[in-house]
Amino acid sequence: MKRSIFASIFAAGALLSGSALAQNAVGIATSSAGSFYHTMGSVMAATLAEKNNIQMRVQPFASPNIHLPAVNAG
């Protein structure tokens, strides 16, 4: 549980950095739709979009081997 809370805080901090705010939309990579992490990513996206007026997109991926290169590529 502590690990997921830390990951959520880290992700929120990364999303709110200056370079992320300069973009038109910010994507959140999550595991497949219907999973706990996808639900958590959807809630984070909705909250950040509502409170900070940022366009957020939740992008589900099958595994970290797929979504990490996509996140790294921008």
C-alpha atoms as a PDB file:
ATOM      1  CA  MET A   1       0.000   0.000   0.000  1.00  0.00           C
ATOM      2  CA  LYS A   2       2.818   2.434   0.829  1.00  0.00           C
ATOM      3  CA  ARG A   3       4.367   1.693  -2.541  1.00  0.00           C
ATOM      4  CA  SER A   4       1.215   2.607  -4.470  1.00  0.00           C
ATOM      5  CA  ILE A   5       0.755   5.798  -2.454  1.00  0.00           C
ATOM      6  CA  PHE A   6       4.361   6.794  -3.168  1.00  0.00           C
ATOM      7  CA  ALA A   7       3.870   6.014  -6.863  1.00  0.00           C
ATOM      8  CA  SER A   8       0.719   8.142  -6.946  1.00  0.00           C
ATOM      9  CA  ILE A   9       2.430  11.083  -5.280  1.00  0.00           C
ATOM     10  CA  PHE A  10       5.423  10.778  -7.601  1.00  0.00           C
ATOM     11  CA  ALA A  11       3.167  10.628 -10.670  1.00  0.00           C
ATOM     12  CA  ALA A  12       1.181  13.669  -9.544  1.00  0.00           C
ATOM     13  CA  GLY A  13       4.401  15.608  -8.958  1.00  0.00           C
ATOM     14  CA  ALA A  14       5.735  14.668 -12.359  1.00  0.00           C
ATOM     15  CA  LEU A  15       2.492  15.701 -14.017  1.00  0.00           C
ATOM     16  CA  LEU A  16       2.499  19.079 -12.370  1.00  0.00           C
ATOM     17  CA  SER A  17       6.038  19.939 -13.390  1.00  0.00           C
ATOM     18  CA  GLY A  18       6.558  22.899 -15.692  1.00  0.00           C
ATOM     19  CA  SER A  19       7.175  20.879 -18.835  1.00  0.00           C
ATOM     20  CA  ALA A  20       3.984  18.880 -18.371  1.00  0.00           C
ATOM     21  CA  LEU A  21       1.908  22.023 -17.894  1.00  0.00           C
ATOM     22  CA  ALA A  22       3.266  23.541 -21.097  1.00  0.00           C
ATOM     23  CA  GLN A  23       1.728  20.758 -23.188  1.00  0.00           C
ATOM     24  CA  ASN A  24      -1.853  20.696 -24.456  1.00  0.00           C
ATOM     25  CA  ALA A  25      -2.607  17.299 -22.935  1.00  0.00           C
ATOM     26  CA  VAL A  26      -0.955  15.034 -20.399  1.00  0.00           C
ATOM     27  CA  GLY A  27      -1.235  11.251 -20.612  1.00  0.00           C
ATOM     28  CA  ILE A  28      -1.215   8.827 -17.708  1.00  0.00           C
ATOM     29  CA  ALA A  29      -0.029   5.320 -18.565  1.00  0.00           C
ATOM     30  CA  THR A  30      -1.904   2.642 -16.630  1.00  0.00           C
ATOM     31  CA  SER A  31      -2.271  -1.096 -16.720  1.00  0.00           C
ATOM     32  CA  SER A  32      -5.148  -2.668 -18.651  1.00  0.00           C
ATOM     33  CA  ALA A  33      -8.682  -1.313 -18.363  1.00  0.00           C
ATOM     34  CA  GLY A  34     -10.622  -2.622 -15.396  1.00  0.00           C
ATOM     35  CA  SER A  35      -7.568  -3.065 -13.184  1.00  0.00           C
ATOM     36  CA  PHE A  36      -7.000  -1.259  -9.885  1.00  0.00           C
ATOM     37  CA  TYR A  37      -4.205   0.884 -11.346  1.00  0.00           C
ATOM     38  CA  HIS A  38      -6.347   1.916 -14.298  1.00  0.00           C
ATOM     39  CA  THR A  39      -9.092   2.991 -11.912  1.00  0.00           C
ATOM     40  CA  MET A  40      -6.578   4.902  -9.772  1.00  0.00           C
ATOM     41  CA  GLY A  41      -5.147   6.585 -12.882  1.00  0.00           C
ATOM     42  CA  SER A  42      -8.630   7.568 -14.032  1.00  0.00           C
ATOM     43  CA  VAL A  43      -9.424   9.123 -10.655  1.00  0.00           C
ATOM     44  CA  MET A  44      -6.092  10.979 -10.620  1.00  0.00           C
ATOM     45  CA  ALA A  45      -6.682  12.249 -14.158  1.00  0.00           C
ATOM     46  CA  ALA A  46     -10.176  13.476 -13.356  1.00  0.00           C
ATOM     47  CA  THR A  47      -9.048  15.198 -10.152  1.00  0.00           C
ATOM     48  CA  LEU A  48      -6.024  16.875 -11.729  1.00  0.00           C
ATOM     49  CA  ALA A  49      -8.054  17.972 -14.751  1.00  0.00           C
ATOM     50  CA  GLU A  50     -10.772  19.451 -12.563  1.00  0.00           C
ATOM     51  CA  LYS A  51      -8.538  21.208 -10.036  1.00  0.00           C
ATOM     52  CA  ASN A  52      -5.786  22.437 -12.382  1.00  0.00           C
ATOM     53  CA  ASN A  53      -7.589  22.870 -15.702  1.00  0.00           C
ATOM     54  CA  ILE A  54      -5.253  20.426 -17.462  1.00  0.00           C
ATOM     55  CA  GLN A  55      -6.429  18.121 -20.227  1.00  0.00           C
ATOM     56  CA  MET A  56      -5.656  14.576 -19.046  1.00  0.00           C
ATOM     57  CA  ARG A  57      -5.726  11.281 -20.959  1.00  0.00           C
ATOM     58  CA  VAL A  58      -5.597   7.830 -19.404  1.00  0.00           C
ATOM     59  CA  GLN A  59      -3.768   5.402 -21.684  1.00  0.00           C
ATOM     60  CA  PRO A  60      -4.094   1.730 -20.721  1.00  0.00           C
ATOM     61  CA  PHE A  61      -1.247  -0.602 -21.730  1.00  0.00           C
ATOM     62  CA  ALA A  62      -0.857  -4.358 -21.385  1.00  0.00           C
ATOM     63  CA  SER A  63       2.421  -4.362 -19.446  1.00  0.00           C
ATOM     64  CA  PRO A  64       5.258  -2.108 -18.246  1.00  0.00           C
ATOM     65  CA  ASN A  65       7.403  -3.425 -21.100  1.00  0.00           C
ATOM     66  CA  ILE A  66       5.040  -1.613 -23.447  1.00  0.00           C
ATOM     67  CA  HIS A  67       4.114   1.571 -21.568  1.00  0.00           C
ATOM     68  CA  LEU A  68       7.580   2.546 -20.289  1.00  0.00           C
ATOM     69  CA  PRO A  69       9.027   3.053 -23.796  1.00  0.00           C
ATOM     70  CA  ALA A  70       5.892   4.997 -24.756  1.00  0.00           C
ATOM     71  CA  VAL A  71       6.245   7.265 -21.728  1.00  0.00           C
ATOM     72  CA  ASN A  72       9.956   7.707 -22.422  1.00  0.00           C
ATOM     73  CA  ALA A  73       9.241   8.695 -26.023  1.00  0.00           C
ATOM     74  CA  GLY A  74       6.861  11.440 -24.889  1.00  0.00           C
END
